[in-house]
Amino acid sequence: MGMPLLQHYWTPEDIERLPETGGKQECLGGVLFLTPAPALPHAVTGQELAIALGEVCAQRRVVQTVIGLRHEDSMLEPDLVVLREPLTTSVDALHYADVVLLIEVASPGTVRRDRGMKREHYQAMGVPEYWSVNAQRRIIERWGPTRAATVYDSGTINWSDPVTGRTLSLDVERFFSALWGETPR
């Protein structure tokens, strides 16, 4: 579980000086969050979403992030971002203006933060669309900068890439059934 460390007002510069742990190292509002490396269901969920999104987006625009999104006193590492422009090796930081879709895959220890303070921050930064994906509960929540969540546990999510104009149609029930190795109903 990611635990906040409150003795120090943490900044992105502080995060950059930390030794690599293999997990996420994030700060928001001066609070440091250290989250262990994801478990297999979390990793597979992110990978499968990246593959599905990659089919409608131009090359190198879907990124399973290891680079933090920075803004003033915050640095967050979402699980997956779709960028406006292809990622190149010269990029050392991502900015909210670069993002067209941002996805967090919830883990038991991060679900409250992903759906709460991180979502609020992403909305305040004007991220056009944010998904909170909970593979355990088999739901995807879709948020916009000013709108409340639409929750999908069945049906189809249609997401249009503003760059290519192509649409991802994700059958939610089939997606989660395939993740868990089940035959869809």
C-alpha atoms as a PDB file:
ATOM      1  CA  MET A   1       0.000   0.000   0.000  1.00  0.00           C
ATOM      2  CA  GLY A   2       1.243   3.510  -0.772  1.00  0.00           C
ATOM      3  CA  MET A   3       1.772   5.381   2.484  1.00  0.00           C
ATOM      4  CA  PRO A   4       2.182   9.164   2.757  1.00  0.00           C
ATOM      5  CA  LEU A   5       5.316  10.464   4.465  1.00  0.00           C
ATOM      6  CA  LEU A   6       4.478  13.798   6.099  1.00  0.00           C
ATOM      7  CA  GLN A   7       7.659  15.031   7.811  1.00  0.00           C
ATOM      8  CA  HIS A   8       8.888  16.982   4.767  1.00  0.00           C
ATOM      9  CA  TYR A   9       7.183  19.014   2.017  1.00  0.00           C
ATOM     10  CA  TRP A  10       8.079  16.895  -1.002  1.00  0.00           C
ATOM     11  CA  THR A  11       8.685  18.370  -4.451  1.00  0.00           C
ATOM     12  CA  PRO A  12       9.429  16.837  -7.861  1.00  0.00           C
ATOM     13  CA  GLU A  13      13.079  17.754  -7.336  1.00  0.00           C
ATOM     14  CA  ASP A  14      13.105  15.681  -4.125  1.00  0.00           C
ATOM     15  CA  ILE A  15      11.575  12.735  -5.993  1.00  0.00           C
ATOM     16  CA  GLU A  16      14.284  12.916  -8.657  1.00  0.00           C
ATOM     17  CA  ARG A  17      16.960  12.584  -5.953  1.00  0.00           C
ATOM     18  CA  LEU A  18      15.447   9.412  -4.454  1.00  0.00           C
ATOM     19  CA  PRO A  19      17.059   6.060  -5.287  1.00  0.00           C
ATOM     20  CA  GLU A  20      15.047   3.946  -7.719  1.00  0.00           C
ATOM     21  CA  THR A  21      12.822   1.430  -5.906  1.00  0.00           C
ATOM     22  CA  GLY A  22      11.049  -0.361  -8.767  1.00  0.00           C
ATOM     23  CA  GLY A  23       7.733   1.125  -7.655  1.00  0.00           C
ATOM     24  CA  LYS A  24       6.085   4.499  -8.074  1.00  0.00           C
ATOM     25  CA  GLN A  25       7.542   7.548  -6.359  1.00  0.00           C
ATOM     26  CA  GLU A  26       5.040  10.389  -6.479  1.00  0.00           C
ATOM     27  CA  CYS A  27       4.286  13.636  -4.684  1.00  0.00           C
ATOM     28  CA  LEU A  28       1.143  15.724  -4.602  1.00  0.00           C
ATOM     29  CA  GLY A  29       0.609  18.779  -2.436  1.00  0.00           C
ATOM     30  CA  GLY A  30       3.886  18.164  -0.599  1.00  0.00           C
ATOM     31  CA  VAL A  31       2.995  14.581   0.314  1.00  0.00           C
ATOM     32  CA  LEU A  32       5.255  11.725  -0.802  1.00  0.00           C
ATOM     33  CA  PHE A  33       3.661   8.485  -1.947  1.00  0.00           C
ATOM     34  CA  LEU A  34       5.772   5.357  -2.361  1.00  0.00           C
ATOM     35  CA  THR A  35       3.934   2.496  -4.012  1.00  0.00           C
ATOM     36  CA  PRO A  36       5.442  -0.958  -4.601  1.00  0.00           C
ATOM     37  CA  ALA A  37       5.819  -2.385  -8.098  1.00  0.00           C
ATOM     38  CA  PRO A  38       2.456  -3.553  -9.433  1.00  0.00           C
ATOM     39  CA  ALA A  39       1.204  -7.105  -9.039  1.00  0.00           C
ATOM     40  CA  LEU A  40       0.621  -9.208 -12.143  1.00  0.00           C
ATOM     41  CA  PRO A  41      -3.133  -8.433 -12.601  1.00  0.00           C
ATOM     42  CA  HIS A  42      -2.330  -4.706 -12.495  1.00  0.00           C
ATOM     43  CA  ALA A  43       0.524  -5.042 -15.004  1.00  0.00           C
ATOM     44  CA  VAL A  44      -1.475  -7.235 -17.400  1.00  0.00           C
ATOM     45  CA  THR A  45      -4.452  -4.851 -17.267  1.00  0.00           C
ATOM     46  CA  GLY A  46      -2.217  -1.919 -18.235  1.00  0.00           C
ATOM     47  CA  GLN A  47      -0.538  -3.916 -20.979  1.00  0.00           C
ATOM     48  CA  GLU A  48      -3.836  -5.030 -22.523  1.00  0.00           C
ATOM     49  CA  LEU A  49      -5.207  -1.483 -22.466  1.00  0.00           C
ATOM     50  CA  ALA A  50      -1.997  -0.254 -24.116  1.00  0.00           C
ATOM     51  CA  ILE A  51      -2.385  -2.842 -26.874  1.00  0.00           C
ATOM     52  CA  ALA A  52      -6.049  -1.910 -27.473  1.00  0.00           C
ATOM     53  CA  LEU A  53      -5.263   1.822 -27.537  1.00  0.00           C
ATOM     54  CA  GLY A  54      -2.234   1.254 -29.766  1.00  0.00           C
ATOM     55  CA  GLU A  55      -4.543  -0.094 -32.457  1.00  0.00           C
ATOM     56  CA  VAL A  56      -6.257   3.301 -32.835  1.00  0.00           C
ATOM     57  CA  CYS A  57      -3.419   5.691 -31.981  1.00  0.00           C
ATOM     58  CA  ALA A  58      -0.362   6.617 -33.985  1.00  0.00           C
ATOM     59  CA  GLN A  59       2.910   4.908 -33.132  1.00  0.00           C
ATOM     60  CA  ARG A  60       4.677   5.792 -29.833  1.00  0.00           C
ATOM     61  CA  ARG A  61       1.747   7.795 -28.476  1.00  0.00           C
ATOM     62  CA  VAL A  62       0.549   5.162 -25.973  1.00  0.00           C
ATOM     63  CA  VAL A  63       3.000   5.047 -23.076  1.00  0.00           C
ATOM     64  CA  GLN A  64       3.083   2.889 -19.976  1.00  0.00           C
ATOM     65  CA  THR A  65       4.655   5.586 -17.896  1.00  0.00           C
ATOM     66  CA  VAL A  66       7.880   5.534 -16.016  1.00  0.00           C
ATOM     67  CA  ILE A  67       8.261   9.289 -16.442  1.00  0.00           C
ATOM     68  CA  GLY A  68       6.378  11.519 -14.047  1.00  0.00           C
ATOM     69  CA  LEU A  69       3.851  14.140 -15.076  1.00  0.00           C
ATOM     70  CA  ARG A  70       5.075  17.354 -13.459  1.00  0.00           C
ATOM     71  CA  HIS A  71       3.255  20.466 -12.394  1.00  0.00           C
ATOM     72  CA  GLU A  72       4.639  22.883  -9.791  1.00  0.00           C
ATOM     73  CA  ASP A  73       4.806  20.896  -6.541  1.00  0.00           C
ATOM     74  CA  SER A  74       3.457  17.628  -7.931  1.00  0.00           C
ATOM     75  CA  MET A  75       4.856  14.697  -9.852  1.00  0.00           C
ATOM     76  CA  LEU A  76       2.557  11.779 -10.565  1.00  0.00           C
ATOM     77  CA  GLU A  77       3.152   8.560 -12.508  1.00  0.00           C
ATOM     78  CA  PRO A  78      -0.074   7.407 -14.128  1.00  0.00           C
ATOM     79  CA  ASP A  79      -0.068   3.844 -15.403  1.00  0.00           C
ATOM     80  CA  LEU A  80      -0.839   4.742 -18.999  1.00  0.00           C
ATOM     81  CA  VAL A  81      -1.009   7.919 -21.053  1.00  0.00           C
ATOM     82  CA  VAL A  82      -1.962   8.661 -24.628  1.00  0.00           C
ATOM     83  CA  LEU A  83       0.042  11.610 -25.898  1.00  0.00           C
ATOM     84  CA  ARG A  84      -0.759  14.219 -28.561  1.00  0.00           C
ATOM     85  CA  GLU A  85       2.619  13.633 -30.229  1.00  0.00           C
ATOM     86  CA  PRO A  86       4.786  10.501 -30.483  1.00  0.00           C
ATOM     87  CA  LEU A  87       7.217  10.017 -27.620  1.00  0.00           C
ATOM     88  CA  THR A  88      10.884  10.414 -28.549  1.00  0.00           C
ATOM     89  CA  THR A  89      14.052   9.604 -26.667  1.00  0.00           C
ATOM     90  CA  SER A  90      14.719  13.323 -26.177  1.00  0.00           C
ATOM     91  CA  VAL A  91      11.720  13.645 -23.813  1.00  0.00           C
ATOM     92  CA  ASP A  92      12.710  13.734 -20.141  1.00  0.00           C
ATOM     93  CA  ALA A  93       9.393  14.911 -18.718  1.00  0.00           C
ATOM     94  CA  LEU A  94       5.736  14.784 -19.675  1.00  0.00           C
ATOM     95  CA  HIS A  95       3.374  17.705 -19.250  1.00  0.00           C
ATOM     96  CA  TYR A  96      -0.390  17.728 -18.851  1.00  0.00           C
ATOM     97  CA  ALA A  97      -0.803  19.633 -22.132  1.00  0.00           C
ATOM     98  CA  ASP A  98       0.797  16.613 -23.880  1.00  0.00           C
ATOM     99  CA  VAL A  99      -1.924  14.192 -22.688  1.00  0.00           C
ATOM    100  CA  VAL A 100      -5.225  13.298 -24.395  1.00  0.00           C
ATOM    101  CA  LEU A 101      -6.073  10.274 -22.198  1.00  0.00           C
ATOM    102  CA  LEU A 102      -4.699   9.261 -18.823  1.00  0.00           C
ATOM    103  CA  ILE A 103      -5.356   5.889 -17.152  1.00  0.00           C
ATOM    104  CA  GLU A 104      -4.724   4.654 -13.628  1.00  0.00           C
ATOM    105  CA  VAL A 105      -5.089   0.919 -12.963  1.00  0.00           C
ATOM    106  CA  ALA A 106      -6.257   0.613  -9.382  1.00  0.00           C
ATOM    107  CA  SER A 107      -4.458  -1.588  -6.880  1.00  0.00           C
ATOM    108  CA  PRO A 108      -5.975  -2.352  -3.478  1.00  0.00           C
ATOM    109  CA  GLY A 109      -3.637   0.160  -1.816  1.00  0.00           C
ATOM    110  CA  THR A 110      -4.110   2.948  -4.380  1.00  0.00           C
ATOM    111  CA  VAL A 111      -7.778   2.873  -5.360  1.00  0.00           C
ATOM    112  CA  ARG A 112      -8.849   5.651  -2.962  1.00  0.00           C
ATOM    113  CA  ARG A 113      -6.002   7.925  -4.023  1.00  0.00           C
ATOM    114  CA  ASP A 114      -6.521   7.153  -7.743  1.00  0.00           C
ATOM    115  CA  ARG A 115     -10.238   7.958  -7.520  1.00  0.00           C
ATOM    116  CA  GLY A 116      -9.809  10.862  -5.092  1.00  0.00           C
ATOM    117  CA  MET A 117      -6.879  13.252  -4.905  1.00  0.00           C
ATOM    118  CA  LYS A 118      -5.170  12.110  -8.128  1.00  0.00           C
ATOM    119  CA  ARG A 119      -8.421  12.330 -10.115  1.00  0.00           C
ATOM    120  CA  GLU A 120      -9.119  15.794  -8.700  1.00  0.00           C
ATOM    121  CA  HIS A 121      -5.598  16.882  -9.639  1.00  0.00           C
ATOM    122  CA  TYR A 122      -5.911  15.502 -13.182  1.00  0.00           C
ATOM    123  CA  GLN A 123      -9.248  17.287 -13.592  1.00  0.00           C
ATOM    124  CA  ALA A 124      -7.754  20.546 -12.306  1.00  0.00           C
ATOM    125  CA  MET A 125      -4.910  20.153 -14.814  1.00  0.00           C
ATOM    126  CA  GLY A 126      -7.470  19.899 -17.635  1.00  0.00           C
ATOM    127  CA  VAL A 127      -6.736  16.318 -18.688  1.00  0.00           C
ATOM    128  CA  PRO A 128      -9.352  15.722 -21.409  1.00  0.00           C
ATOM    129  CA  GLU A 129     -10.182  12.220 -20.187  1.00  0.00           C
ATOM    130  CA  TYR A 130      -9.209  10.087 -17.200  1.00  0.00           C
ATOM    131  CA  TRP A 131     -10.018   6.412 -16.662  1.00  0.00           C
ATOM    132  CA  SER A 132      -9.787   4.631 -13.334  1.00  0.00           C
ATOM    133  CA  VAL A 133      -9.671   0.896 -14.092  1.00  0.00           C
ATOM    134  CA  ASN A 134     -10.388  -1.608 -11.329  1.00  0.00           C
ATOM    135  CA  ALA A 135      -9.725  -5.126 -12.631  1.00  0.00           C
ATOM    136  CA  GLN A 136     -10.706  -6.724  -9.304  1.00  0.00           C
ATOM    137  CA  ARG A 137     -14.169  -5.114  -9.391  1.00  0.00           C
ATOM    138  CA  ARG A 138     -14.305  -5.245 -13.218  1.00  0.00           C
ATOM    139  CA  ILE A 139     -15.225  -1.615 -13.687  1.00  0.00           C
ATOM    140  CA  ILE A 140     -13.884   1.333 -15.623  1.00  0.00           C
ATOM    141  CA  GLU A 141     -14.742   4.853 -14.486  1.00  0.00           C
ATOM    142  CA  ARG A 142     -14.483   7.625 -17.084  1.00  0.00           C
ATOM    143  CA  TRP A 143     -13.972  11.205 -15.980  1.00  0.00           C
ATOM    144  CA  GLY A 144     -13.616  14.485 -17.853  1.00  0.00           C
ATOM    145  CA  PRO A 145     -12.227  17.811 -16.661  1.00  0.00           C
ATOM    146  CA  THR A 146     -15.621  19.005 -15.428  1.00  0.00           C
ATOM    147  CA  ARG A 147     -17.839  15.938 -15.378  1.00  0.00           C
ATOM    148  CA  ALA A 148     -18.523  13.224 -12.850  1.00  0.00           C
ATOM    149  CA  ALA A 149     -17.692   9.610 -13.576  1.00  0.00           C
ATOM    150  CA  THR A 150     -19.565   7.374 -15.904  1.00  0.00           C
ATOM    151  CA  VAL A 151     -19.116   3.837 -14.562  1.00  0.00           C
ATOM    152  CA  TYR A 152     -18.893   0.885 -16.933  1.00  0.00           C
ATOM    153  CA  ASP A 153     -19.189  -2.696 -15.748  1.00  0.00           C
ATOM    154  CA  SER A 154     -20.725  -3.857 -19.032  1.00  0.00           C
ATOM    155  CA  GLY A 155     -21.467  -2.360 -22.394  1.00  0.00           C
ATOM    156  CA  THR A 156     -18.983  -0.638 -24.650  1.00  0.00           C
ATOM    157  CA  ILE A 157     -16.708   2.319 -24.066  1.00  0.00           C
ATOM    158  CA  ASN A 158     -16.167   4.310 -27.243  1.00  0.00           C
ATOM    159  CA  TRP A 159     -13.138   6.594 -27.081  1.00  0.00           C
ATOM    160  CA  SER A 160     -12.208   8.722 -30.078  1.00  0.00           C
ATOM    161  CA  ASP A 161      -8.578   9.658 -30.490  1.00  0.00           C
ATOM    162  CA  PRO A 162      -8.548  13.413 -31.141  1.00  0.00           C
ATOM    163  CA  VAL A 163      -5.342  13.085 -33.161  1.00  0.00           C
ATOM    164  CA  THR A 164      -6.144  10.223 -35.555  1.00  0.00           C
ATOM    165  CA  GLY A 165      -9.937  10.458 -35.395  1.00  0.00           C
ATOM    166  CA  ARG A 166     -10.068   6.672 -34.968  1.00  0.00           C
ATOM    167  CA  THR A 167     -12.307   5.141 -32.291  1.00  0.00           C
ATOM    168  CA  LEU A 168     -11.558   2.466 -29.740  1.00  0.00           C
ATOM    169  CA  SER A 169     -14.658   0.409 -28.957  1.00  0.00           C
ATOM    170  CA  LEU A 170     -13.883  -1.535 -25.781  1.00  0.00           C
ATOM    171  CA  ASP A 171     -16.424  -4.157 -24.728  1.00  0.00           C
ATOM    172  CA  VAL A 172     -15.931  -3.931 -20.973  1.00  0.00           C
ATOM    173  CA  GLU A 173     -17.275  -7.352 -20.051  1.00  0.00           C
ATOM    174  CA  ARG A 174     -15.223  -9.103 -22.765  1.00  0.00           C
ATOM    175  CA  PHE A 175     -12.121  -7.141 -21.791  1.00  0.00           C
ATOM    176  CA  PHE A 176     -12.275  -8.243 -18.144  1.00  0.00           C
ATOM    177  CA  SER A 177     -13.307 -11.804 -19.022  1.00  0.00           C
ATOM    178  CA  ALA A 178     -10.247 -12.126 -21.265  1.00  0.00           C
ATOM    179  CA  LEU A 179      -8.010 -10.670 -18.522  1.00  0.00           C
ATOM    180  CA  TRP A 180      -9.186 -13.341 -16.088  1.00  0.00           C
ATOM    181  CA  GLY A 181      -9.076 -16.156 -18.663  1.00  0.00           C
ATOM    182  CA  GLU A 182     -12.843 -16.622 -18.732  1.00  0.00           C
ATOM    183  CA  THR A 183     -15.203 -17.214 -21.585  1.00  0.00           C
ATOM    184  CA  PRO A 184     -17.316 -14.078 -22.093  1.00  0.00           C
ATOM    185  CA  ARG A 185     -21.043 -14.457 -21.556  1.00  0.00           C
END
